[in-house]
Amino acid sequence: MFLKGRKRAASPTELALEFVRADRTQSMLTTTRAQSSPEGGGPTTVTIVQDRLADDSVRATRYVLRFVPSGQKWRLQSSVRTQRCQTGRGHQDFAPGACL
């Protein structure tokens, strides 16, 4: 339902940043990477990493979102969120588990 009421078209990257609420997250570094089919019109996967978060347990979050064309717009097909913990607070690789 995330994109259902959207009035204007947007790129998968714009939609992904909106989905993760990047404008409301306190991170020192946000990176995005979009990968689509060679023709550019097929499914697109957007990866967003928000690093150096203002959080004492979670150091970074990574979202992998897959968008598929739906007429003139895009439909969010799937999303996966993983996180990396601060040193001494849990796992140091991106994983779905909670940090301490």
PDB file of N, CA and C in Angstrom:
ATOM      1  N   MET A   1       0.803  -1.203   0.000  1.00  0.00           N
ATOM      2  CA  MET A   1       0.000   0.000   0.000  1.00  0.00           C
ATOM      3  C   MET A   1       0.845   1.267   0.000  1.00  0.00           C
ATOM      4  N   PHE A   2       2.148   1.111   0.154  1.00  0.00           N
ATOM      5  CA  PHE A   2       3.062   2.244   0.246  1.00  0.00           C
ATOM      6  C   PHE A   2       2.940   3.192  -0.949  1.00  0.00           C
ATOM      7  N   LEU A   3       2.846   2.670  -2.174  1.00  0.00           N
ATOM      8  CA  LEU A   3       2.825   3.510  -3.364  1.00  0.00           C
ATOM      9  C   LEU A   3       1.430   3.762  -3.921  1.00  0.00           C
ATOM     10  N   LYS A   4       0.415   3.161  -3.350  1.00  0.00           N
ATOM     11  CA  LYS A   4      -0.929   3.173  -3.917  1.00  0.00           C
ATOM     12  C   LYS A   4      -1.479   4.583  -4.160  1.00  0.00           C
ATOM     13  N   GLY A   5      -1.339   5.487  -3.225  1.00  0.00           N
ATOM     14  CA  GLY A   5      -1.918   6.818  -3.363  1.00  0.00           C
ATOM     15  C   GLY A   5      -1.014   7.843  -4.015  1.00  0.00           C
ATOM     16  N   ARG A   6       0.140   7.432  -4.487  1.00  0.00           N
ATOM     17  CA  ARG A   6       1.107   8.361  -5.076  1.00  0.00           C
ATOM     18  C   ARG A   6       0.549   8.963  -6.359  1.00  0.00           C
ATOM     19  N   LYS A   7       0.624  10.278  -6.486  1.00  0.00           N
ATOM     20  CA  LYS A   7       0.054  10.985  -7.630  1.00  0.00           C
ATOM     21  C   LYS A   7       1.018  11.119  -8.808  1.00  0.00           C
ATOM     22  N   ARG A   8       2.291  11.301  -8.528  1.00  0.00           N
ATOM     23  CA  ARG A   8       3.238  11.532  -9.632  1.00  0.00           C
ATOM     24  C   ARG A   8       4.209  10.364  -9.761  1.00  0.00           C
ATOM     25  N   ALA A   9       4.747  10.215 -10.953  1.00  0.00           N
ATOM     26  CA  ALA A   9       5.725   9.157 -11.197  1.00  0.00           C
ATOM     27  C   ALA A   9       7.052   9.530 -10.542  1.00  0.00           C
ATOM     28  N   ALA A  10       7.803   8.523 -10.148  1.00  0.00           N
ATOM     29  CA  ALA A  10       9.117   8.742  -9.541  1.00  0.00           C
ATOM     30  C   ALA A  10      10.002   7.560  -9.904  1.00  0.00           C
ATOM     31  N   SER A  11      11.303   7.764  -9.818  1.00  0.00           N
ATOM     32  CA  SER A  11      12.247   6.684 -10.112  1.00  0.00           C
ATOM     33  C   SER A  11      12.269   5.692  -8.951  1.00  0.00           C
ATOM     34  N   PRO A  12      12.725   4.467  -9.197  1.00  0.00           N
ATOM     35  CA  PRO A  12      12.858   3.505  -8.102  1.00  0.00           C
ATOM     36  C   PRO A  12      13.743   4.023  -6.966  1.00  0.00           C
ATOM     37  N   THR A  13      14.785   4.760  -7.280  1.00  0.00           N
ATOM     38  CA  THR A  13      15.666   5.292  -6.235  1.00  0.00           C
ATOM     39  C   THR A  13      14.926   6.307  -5.367  1.00  0.00           C
ATOM     40  N   GLU A  14      14.173   7.209  -5.990  1.00  0.00           N
ATOM     41  CA  GLU A  14      13.382   8.173  -5.217  1.00  0.00           C
ATOM     42  C   GLU A  14      12.372   7.470  -4.322  1.00  0.00           C
ATOM     43  N   LEU A  15      11.720   6.458  -4.869  1.00  0.00           N
ATOM     44  CA  LEU A  15      10.732   5.704  -4.102  1.00  0.00           C
ATOM     45  C   LEU A  15      11.374   4.960  -2.934  1.00  0.00           C
ATOM     46  N   ALA A  16      12.549   4.391  -3.167  1.00  0.00           N
ATOM     47  CA  ALA A  16      13.246   3.663  -2.111  1.00  0.00           C
ATOM     48  C   ALA A  16      13.644   4.591  -0.974  1.00  0.00           C
ATOM     49  N   LEU A  17      14.173   5.757  -1.298  1.00  0.00           N
ATOM     50  CA  LEU A  17      14.558   6.718  -0.266  1.00  0.00           C
ATOM     51  C   LEU A  17      13.346   7.168   0.541  1.00  0.00           C
ATOM     52  N   GLU A  18      12.221   7.326  -0.128  1.00  0.00           N
ATOM     53  CA  GLU A  18      10.986   7.687   0.571  1.00  0.00           C
ATOM     54  C   GLU A  18      10.529   6.538   1.477  1.00  0.00           C
ATOM     55  N   PHE A  19      10.609   5.316   0.983  1.00  0.00           N
ATOM     56  CA  PHE A  19      10.177   4.135   1.741  1.00  0.00           C
ATOM     57  C   PHE A  19      10.953   3.983   3.044  1.00  0.00           C
ATOM     58  N   VAL A  20      12.281   4.196   2.997  1.00  0.00           N
ATOM     59  CA  VAL A  20      13.102   4.028   4.208  1.00  0.00           C
ATOM     60  C   VAL A  20      13.120   5.292   5.064  1.00  0.00           C
ATOM     61  N   ARG A  21      12.406   6.311   4.609  1.00  0.00           N
ATOM     62  CA  ARG A  21      12.337   7.589   5.324  1.00  0.00           C
ATOM     63  C   ARG A  21      13.735   8.175   5.572  1.00  0.00           C
ATOM     64  N   ALA A  22      14.512   8.192   4.516  1.00  0.00           N
ATOM     65  CA  ALA A  22      15.892   8.671   4.610  1.00  0.00           C
ATOM     66  C   ALA A  22      15.963  10.104   5.124  1.00  0.00           C
ATOM     67  N   ASP A  23      14.935  10.896   4.855  1.00  0.00           N
ATOM     68  CA  ASP A  23      14.930  12.291   5.316  1.00  0.00           C
ATOM     69  C   ASP A  23      14.732  12.404   6.819  1.00  0.00           C
ATOM     70  N   ARG A  24      14.331  11.313   7.468  1.00  0.00           N
ATOM     71  CA  ARG A  24      14.080  11.337   8.916  1.00  0.00           C
ATOM     72  C   ARG A  24      15.093  10.528   9.714  1.00  0.00           C
ATOM     73  N   THR A  25      16.073   9.955   9.041  1.00  0.00           N
ATOM     74  CA  THR A  25      17.063   9.117   9.712  1.00  0.00           C
ATOM     75  C   THR A  25      18.328   9.924   9.969  1.00  0.00           C
ATOM     76  N   GLN A  26      18.850   9.822  11.175  1.00  0.00           N
ATOM     77  CA  GLN A  26      20.086  10.525  11.514  1.00  0.00           C
ATOM     78  C   GLN A  26      21.268   9.612  11.246  1.00  0.00           C
ATOM     79  N   SER A  27      21.763   9.681  10.006  1.00  0.00           N
ATOM     80  CA  SER A  27      22.953   8.923   9.642  1.00  0.00           C
ATOM     81  C   SER A  27      23.962   9.887   9.037  1.00  0.00           C
ATOM     82  N   MET A  28      25.229   9.585   9.252  1.00  0.00           N
ATOM     83  CA  MET A  28      26.267  10.456   8.706  1.00  0.00           C
ATOM     84  C   MET A  28      26.521  10.157   7.234  1.00  0.00           C
ATOM     85  N   LEU A  29      26.137   8.955   6.779  1.00  0.00           N
ATOM     86  CA  LEU A  29      26.411   8.556   5.404  1.00  0.00           C
ATOM     87  C   LEU A  29      25.273   7.691   4.885  1.00  0.00           C
ATOM     88  N   THR A  30      24.691   8.090   3.780  1.00  0.00           N
ATOM     89  CA  THR A  30      23.662   7.295   3.107  1.00  0.00           C
ATOM     90  C   THR A  30      24.122   7.055   1.681  1.00  0.00           C
ATOM     91  N   THR A  31      24.165   5.772   1.284  1.00  0.00           N
ATOM     92  CA  THR A  31      24.543   5.438  -0.083  1.00  0.00           C
ATOM     93  C   THR A  31      23.400   4.675  -0.737  1.00  0.00           C
ATOM     94  N   THR A  32      23.243   4.898  -2.032  1.00  0.00           N
ATOM     95  CA  THR A  32      22.229   4.186  -2.803  1.00  0.00           C
ATOM     96  C   THR A  32      22.878   3.585  -4.042  1.00  0.00           C
ATOM     97  N   ARG A  33      22.326   2.438  -4.447  1.00  0.00           N
ATOM     98  CA  ARG A  33      22.783   1.793  -5.680  1.00  0.00           C
ATOM     99  C   ARG A  33      21.567   1.152  -6.313  1.00  0.00           C
ATOM    100  N   ALA A  34      21.310   1.491  -7.570  1.00  0.00           N
ATOM    101  CA  ALA A  34      20.188   0.912  -8.300  1.00  0.00           C
ATOM    102  C   ALA A  34      20.736   0.018  -9.405  1.00  0.00           C
ATOM    103  N   GLN A  35      20.128  -1.148  -9.544  1.00  0.00           N
ATOM    104  CA  GLN A  35      20.544  -2.086 -10.591  1.00  0.00           C
ATOM    105  C   GLN A  35      19.291  -2.563 -11.313  1.00  0.00           C
ATOM    106  N   SER A  36      19.269  -2.354 -12.636  1.00  0.00           N
ATOM    107  CA  SER A  36      18.118  -2.770 -13.421  1.00  0.00           C
ATOM    108  C   SER A  36      18.573  -3.635 -14.591  1.00  0.00           C
ATOM    109  N   SER A  37      17.627  -4.087 -15.356  1.00  0.00           N
ATOM    110  CA  SER A  37      17.940  -4.916 -16.518  1.00  0.00           C
ATOM    111  C   SER A  37      18.724  -4.090 -17.531  1.00  0.00           C
ATOM    112  N   PRO A  38      19.450  -4.749 -18.435  1.00  0.00           N
ATOM    113  CA  PRO A  38      20.235  -4.002 -19.424  1.00  0.00           C
ATOM    114  C   PRO A  38      19.407  -3.015 -20.245  1.00  0.00           C
ATOM    115  N   GLU A  39      18.136  -3.343 -20.483  1.00  0.00           N
ATOM    116  CA  GLU A  39      17.271  -2.446 -21.251  1.00  0.00           C
ATOM    117  C   GLU A  39      16.785  -1.266 -20.414  1.00  0.00           C
ATOM    118  N   GLY A  40      16.838  -1.400 -19.095  1.00  0.00           N
ATOM    119  CA  GLY A  40      16.446  -0.319 -18.202  1.00  0.00           C
ATOM    120  C   GLY A  40      14.964  -0.238 -17.909  1.00  0.00           C
ATOM    121  N   GLY A  41      14.144  -1.082 -18.511  1.00  0.00           N
ATOM    122  CA  GLY A  41      12.706  -0.989 -18.303  1.00  0.00           C
ATOM    123  C   GLY A  41      12.131  -2.082 -17.427  1.00  0.00           C
ATOM    124  N   GLY A  42      12.947  -3.027 -17.024  1.00  0.00           N
ATOM    125  CA  GLY A  42      12.452  -4.149 -16.238  1.00  0.00           C
ATOM    126  C   GLY A  42      12.568  -3.902 -14.754  1.00  0.00           C
ATOM    127  N   PRO A  43      12.505  -4.973 -13.969  1.00  0.00           N
ATOM    128  CA  PRO A  43      12.636  -4.850 -12.516  1.00  0.00           C
ATOM    129  C   PRO A  43      13.926  -4.130 -12.120  1.00  0.00           C
ATOM    130  N   THR A  44      13.850  -3.377 -11.043  1.00  0.00           N
ATOM    131  CA  THR A  44      15.007  -2.627 -10.546  1.00  0.00           C
ATOM    132  C   THR A  44      15.174  -2.904  -9.056  1.00  0.00           C
ATOM    133  N   THR A  45      16.401  -3.216  -8.668  1.00  0.00           N
ATOM    134  CA  THR A  45      16.725  -3.435  -7.260  1.00  0.00           C
ATOM    135  C   THR A  45      17.520  -2.241  -6.758  1.00  0.00           C
ATOM    136  N   VAL A  46      17.045  -1.645  -5.681  1.00  0.00           N
ATOM    137  CA  VAL A  46      17.714  -0.491  -5.072  1.00  0.00           C
ATOM    138  C   VAL A  46      18.223  -0.911  -3.699  1.00  0.00           C
ATOM    139  N   THR A  47      19.513  -0.688  -3.460  1.00  0.00           N
ATOM    140  CA  THR A  47      20.123  -0.969  -2.163  1.00  0.00           C
ATOM    141  C   THR A  47      20.484   0.354  -1.512  1.00  0.00           C
ATOM    142  N   ILE A  48      20.017   0.542  -0.286  1.00  0.00           N
ATOM    143  CA  ILE A  48      20.317   1.753   0.483  1.00  0.00           C
ATOM    144  C   ILE A  48      21.021   1.335   1.764  1.00  0.00           C
ATOM    145  N   VAL A  49      22.166   1.957   2.023  1.00  0.00           N
ATOM    146  CA  VAL A  49      22.890   1.733   3.278  1.00  0.00           C
ATOM    147  C   VAL A  49      22.964   3.062   4.010  1.00  0.00           C
ATOM    148  N   GLN A  50      22.479   3.052   5.246  1.00  0.00           N
ATOM    149  CA  GLN A  50      22.578   4.226   6.120  1.00  0.00           C
ATOM    150  C   GLN A  50      23.579   3.859   7.205  1.00  0.00           C
ATOM    151  N   ASP A  51      24.742   4.517   7.171  1.00  0.00           N
ATOM    152  CA  ASP A  51      25.856   4.157   8.057  1.00  0.00           C
ATOM    153  C   ASP A  51      26.137   5.272   9.058  1.00  0.00           C
ATOM    154  N   ARG A  52      26.800   4.876  10.133  1.00  0.00           N
ATOM    155  CA  ARG A  52      27.153   5.787  11.229  1.00  0.00           C
ATOM    156  C   ARG A  52      25.893   6.443  11.806  1.00  0.00           C
ATOM    157  N   LEU A  53      24.951   5.597  12.172  1.00  0.00           N
ATOM    158  CA  LEU A  53      23.691   6.069  12.736  1.00  0.00           C
ATOM    159  C   LEU A  53      23.885   6.653  14.128  1.00  0.00           C
ATOM    160  N   ALA A  54      23.014   7.551  14.497  1.00  0.00           N
ATOM    161  CA  ALA A  54      23.022   8.135  15.843  1.00  0.00           C
ATOM    162  C   ALA A  54      22.279   7.174  16.771  1.00  0.00           C
ATOM    163  N   ASP A  55      22.867   6.013  16.997  1.00  0.00           N
ATOM    164  CA  ASP A  55      22.248   4.950  17.797  1.00  0.00           C
ATOM    165  C   ASP A  55      23.366   4.234  18.549  1.00  0.00           C
ATOM    166  N   ASP A  56      23.156   3.924  19.820  1.00  0.00           N
ATOM    167  CA  ASP A  56      24.220   3.282  20.585  1.00  0.00           C
ATOM    168  C   ASP A  56      24.320   1.781  20.326  1.00  0.00           C
ATOM    169  N   SER A  57      23.335   1.169  19.661  1.00  0.00           N
ATOM    170  CA  SER A  57      23.374  -0.264  19.373  1.00  0.00           C
ATOM    171  C   SER A  57      23.574  -0.576  17.894  1.00  0.00           C
ATOM    172  N   VAL A  58      22.869   0.128  17.021  1.00  0.00           N
ATOM    173  CA  VAL A  58      22.912  -0.151  15.587  1.00  0.00           C
ATOM    174  C   VAL A  58      23.841   0.842  14.901  1.00  0.00           C
ATOM    175  N   ARG A  59      24.828   0.303  14.191  1.00  0.00           N
ATOM    176  CA  ARG A  59      25.760   1.172  13.464  1.00  0.00           C
ATOM    177  C   ARG A  59      25.223   1.539  12.084  1.00  0.00           C
ATOM    178  N   ALA A  60      24.620   0.551  11.377  1.00  0.00           N
ATOM    179  CA  ALA A  60      24.160   0.784  10.013  1.00  0.00           C
ATOM    180  C   ALA A  60      22.962  -0.099   9.692  1.00  0.00           C
ATOM    181  N   THR A  61      22.140   0.377   8.769  1.00  0.00           N
ATOM    182  CA  THR A  61      21.045  -0.432   8.243  1.00  0.00           C
ATOM    183  C   THR A  61      21.201  -0.535   6.735  1.00  0.00           C
ATOM    184  N   ARG A  62      20.764  -1.683   6.211  1.00  0.00           N
ATOM    185  CA  ARG A  62      20.789  -1.881   4.758  1.00  0.00           C
ATOM    186  C   ARG A  62      19.404  -2.354   4.321  1.00  0.00           C
ATOM    187  N   TYR A  63      18.881  -1.700   3.316  1.00  0.00           N
ATOM    188  CA  TYR A  63      17.601  -2.067   2.733  1.00  0.00           C
ATOM    189  C   TYR A  63      17.847  -2.504   1.296  1.00  0.00           C
ATOM    190  N   VAL A  64      17.242  -3.608   0.903  1.00  0.00           N
ATOM    191  CA  VAL A  64      17.272  -4.057  -0.486  1.00  0.00           C
ATOM    192  C   VAL A  64      15.814  -4.107  -0.937  1.00  0.00           C
ATOM    193  N   LEU A  65      15.472  -3.220  -1.870  1.00  0.00           N
ATOM    194  CA  LEU A  65      14.092  -3.095  -2.335  1.00  0.00           C
ATOM    195  C   LEU A  65      14.025  -3.424  -3.818  1.00  0.00           C
ATOM    196  N   ARG A  66      13.046  -4.223  -4.184  1.00  0.00           N
ATOM    197  CA  ARG A  66      12.865  -4.611  -5.584  1.00  0.00           C
ATOM    198  C   ARG A  66      11.567  -3.994  -6.091  1.00  0.00           C
ATOM    199  N   PHE A  67      11.692  -3.228  -7.170  1.00  0.00           N
ATOM    200  CA  PHE A  67      10.553  -2.579  -7.806  1.00  0.00           C
ATOM    201  C   PHE A  67      10.328  -3.193  -9.184  1.00  0.00           C
ATOM    202  N   VAL A  68       9.052  -3.321  -9.562  1.00  0.00           N
ATOM    203  CA  VAL A  68       8.699  -3.826 -10.888  1.00  0.00           C
ATOM    204  C   VAL A  68       7.808  -2.788 -11.567  1.00  0.00           C
ATOM    205  N   PRO A  69       7.928  -2.677 -12.897  1.00  0.00           N
ATOM    206  CA  PRO A  69       7.082  -1.729 -13.614  1.00  0.00           C
ATOM    207  C   PRO A  69       5.606  -2.089 -13.465  1.00  0.00           C
ATOM    208  N   SER A  70       4.785  -1.054 -13.358  1.00  0.00           N
ATOM    209  CA  SER A  70       3.337  -1.229 -13.263  1.00  0.00           C
ATOM    210  C   SER A  70       2.704  -0.079 -14.041  1.00  0.00           C
ATOM    211  N   GLY A  71       2.504  -0.288 -15.333  1.00  0.00           N
ATOM    212  CA  GLY A  71       2.028   0.796 -16.198  1.00  0.00           C
ATOM    213  C   GLY A  71       3.106   1.857 -16.318  1.00  0.00           C
ATOM    214  N   GLN A  72       2.749   3.096 -16.011  1.00  0.00           N
ATOM    215  CA  GLN A  72       3.703   4.209 -16.067  1.00  0.00           C
ATOM    216  C   GLN A  72       4.431   4.421 -14.738  1.00  0.00           C
ATOM    217  N   LYS A  73       4.118   3.603 -13.750  1.00  0.00           N
ATOM    218  CA  LYS A  73       4.700   3.753 -12.416  1.00  0.00           C
ATOM    219  C   LYS A  73       5.445   2.486 -12.017  1.00  0.00           C
ATOM    220  N   TRP A  74       5.843   2.435 -10.755  1.00  0.00           N
ATOM    221  CA  TRP A  74       6.561   1.286 -10.208  1.00  0.00           C
ATOM    222  C   TRP A  74       5.781   0.701  -9.042  1.00  0.00           C
ATOM    223  N   ARG A  75       5.910  -0.607  -8.842  1.00  0.00           N
ATOM    224  CA  ARG A  75       5.283  -1.287  -7.715  1.00  0.00           C
ATOM    225  C   ARG A  75       6.384  -1.935  -6.882  1.00  0.00           C
ATOM    226  N   LEU A  76       6.328  -1.745  -5.574  1.00  0.00           N
ATOM    227  CA  LEU A  76       7.294  -2.367  -4.671  1.00  0.00           C
ATOM    228  C   LEU A  76       6.939  -3.839  -4.541  1.00  0.00           C
ATOM    229  N   GLN A  77       7.857  -4.703  -4.978  1.00  0.00           N
ATOM    230  CA  GLN A  77       7.616  -6.140  -4.949  1.00  0.00           C
ATOM    231  C   GLN A  77       8.100  -6.772  -3.651  1.00  0.00           C
ATOM    232  N   SER A  78       9.270  -6.310  -3.159  1.00  0.00           N
ATOM    233  CA  SER A  78       9.802  -6.870  -1.914  1.00  0.00           C
ATOM    234  C   SER A  78      10.762  -5.885  -1.268  1.00  0.00           C
ATOM    235  N   SER A  79      10.933  -6.061   0.043  1.00  0.00           N
ATOM    236  CA  SER A  79      11.911  -5.257   0.778  1.00  0.00           C
ATOM    237  C   SER A  79      12.501  -6.119   1.886  1.00  0.00           C
ATOM    238  N   VAL A  80      13.812  -5.964   2.070  1.00  0.00           N
ATOM    239  CA  VAL A  80      14.526  -6.691   3.119  1.00  0.00           C
ATOM    240  C   VAL A  80      15.386  -5.685   3.875  1.00  0.00           C
ATOM    241  N   ARG A  81      15.270  -5.690   5.214  1.00  0.00           N
ATOM    242  CA  ARG A  81      16.063  -4.795   6.061  1.00  0.00           C
ATOM    243  C   ARG A  81      16.992  -5.639   6.910  1.00  0.00           C
ATOM    244  N   THR A  82      18.271  -5.287   6.903  1.00  0.00           N
ATOM    245  CA  THR A  82      19.257  -5.915   7.776  1.00  0.00           C
ATOM    246  C   THR A  82      20.034  -4.813   8.476  1.00  0.00           C
ATOM    247  N   GLN A  83      20.761  -5.176   9.514  1.00  0.00           N
ATOM    248  CA  GLN A  83      21.523  -4.157  10.242  1.00  0.00           C
ATOM    249  C   GLN A  83      22.864  -4.699  10.697  1.00  0.00           C
ATOM    250  N   ARG A  84      23.762  -3.761  10.940  1.00  0.00           N
ATOM    251  CA  ARG A  84      25.098  -4.046  11.481  1.00  0.00           C
ATOM    252  C   ARG A  84      25.172  -3.351  12.829  1.00  0.00           C
ATOM    253  N   CYS A  85      25.647  -4.075  13.826  1.00  0.00           N
ATOM    254  CA  CYS A  85      25.686  -3.535  15.191  1.00  0.00           C
ATOM    255  C   CYS A  85      26.952  -2.714  15.448  1.00  0.00           C
ATOM    256  N   GLN A  86      26.875  -1.854  16.446  1.00  0.00           N
ATOM    257  CA  GLN A  86      28.055  -1.144  16.931  1.00  0.00           C
ATOM    258  C   GLN A  86      29.028  -2.176  17.508  1.00  0.00           C
ATOM    259  N   THR A  87      30.308  -1.859  17.529  1.00  0.00           N
ATOM    260  CA  THR A  87      31.308  -2.741  18.110  1.00  0.00           C
ATOM    261  C   THR A  87      30.926  -3.086  19.544  1.00  0.00           C
ATOM    262  N   GLY A  88      30.965  -4.374  19.860  1.00  0.00           N
ATOM    263  CA  GLY A  88      30.624  -4.836  21.196  1.00  0.00           C
ATOM    264  C   GLY A  88      29.129  -4.968  21.457  1.00  0.00           C
ATOM    265  N   ARG A  89      28.305  -4.701  20.440  1.00  0.00           N
ATOM    266  CA  ARG A  89      26.850  -4.740  20.614  1.00  0.00           C
ATOM    267  C   ARG A  89      26.181  -5.842  19.798  1.00  0.00           C
ATOM    268  N   GLY A  90      26.983  -6.719  19.182  1.00  0.00           N
ATOM    269  CA  GLY A  90      26.399  -7.807  18.398  1.00  0.00           C
ATOM    270  C   GLY A  90      27.127  -8.022  17.092  1.00  0.00           C
ATOM    271  N   HIS A  91      26.415  -8.588  16.124  1.00  0.00           N
ATOM    272  CA  HIS A  91      27.008  -8.982  14.839  1.00  0.00           C
ATOM    273  C   HIS A  91      27.574  -7.786  14.080  1.00  0.00           C
ATOM    274  N   GLN A  92      28.685  -8.022  13.406  1.00  0.00           N
ATOM    275  CA  GLN A  92      29.360  -6.963  12.663  1.00  0.00           C
ATOM    276  C   GLN A  92      29.069  -7.020  11.172  1.00  0.00           C
ATOM    277  N   ASP A  93      28.415  -8.077  10.716  1.00  0.00           N
ATOM    278  CA  ASP A  93      27.970  -8.169   9.329  1.00  0.00           C
ATOM    279  C   ASP A  93      26.509  -7.779   9.275  1.00  0.00           C
ATOM    280  N   PHE A  94      26.030  -7.416   8.085  1.00  0.00           N
ATOM    281  CA  PHE A  94      24.610  -7.123   7.946  1.00  0.00           C
ATOM    282  C   PHE A  94      23.827  -8.417   8.129  1.00  0.00           C
ATOM    283  N   ALA A  95      22.898  -8.397   9.061  1.00  0.00           N
ATOM    284  CA  ALA A  95      22.069  -9.562   9.386  1.00  0.00           C
ATOM    285  C   ALA A  95      20.734  -9.073   9.925  1.00  0.00           C
ATOM    286  N   PRO A  96      19.712  -9.934   9.894  1.00  0.00           N
ATOM    287  CA  PRO A  96      18.398  -9.508  10.402  1.00  0.00           C
ATOM    288  C   PRO A  96      18.292  -9.472  11.925  1.00  0.00           C
ATOM    289  N   GLY A  97      19.229 -10.074  12.636  1.00  0.00           N
ATOM    290  CA  GLY A  97      19.151 -10.156  14.095  1.00  0.00           C
ATOM    291  C   GLY A  97      19.283  -8.818  14.789  1.00  0.00           C
ATOM    292  N   ALA A  98      18.736  -8.767  15.994  1.00  0.00           N
ATOM    293  CA  ALA A  98      18.766  -7.551  16.800  1.00  0.00           C
ATOM    294  C   ALA A  98      20.155  -7.294  17.384  1.00  0.00           C
ATOM    295  N   CYS A  99      20.444  -6.055  17.655  1.00  0.00           N
ATOM    296  CA  CYS A  99      21.681  -5.656  18.341  1.00  0.00           C
ATOM    297  C   CYS A  99      21.376  -5.507  19.834  1.00  0.00           C
ATOM    298  N   LEU A 100      22.425  -5.614  20.653  1.00  0.00           N
ATOM    299  CA  LEU A 100      22.263  -5.499  22.098  1.00  0.00           C
ATOM    300  C   LEU A 100      22.365  -4.059  22.559  1.00  0.00           C
TER     301      LEU A 100
END
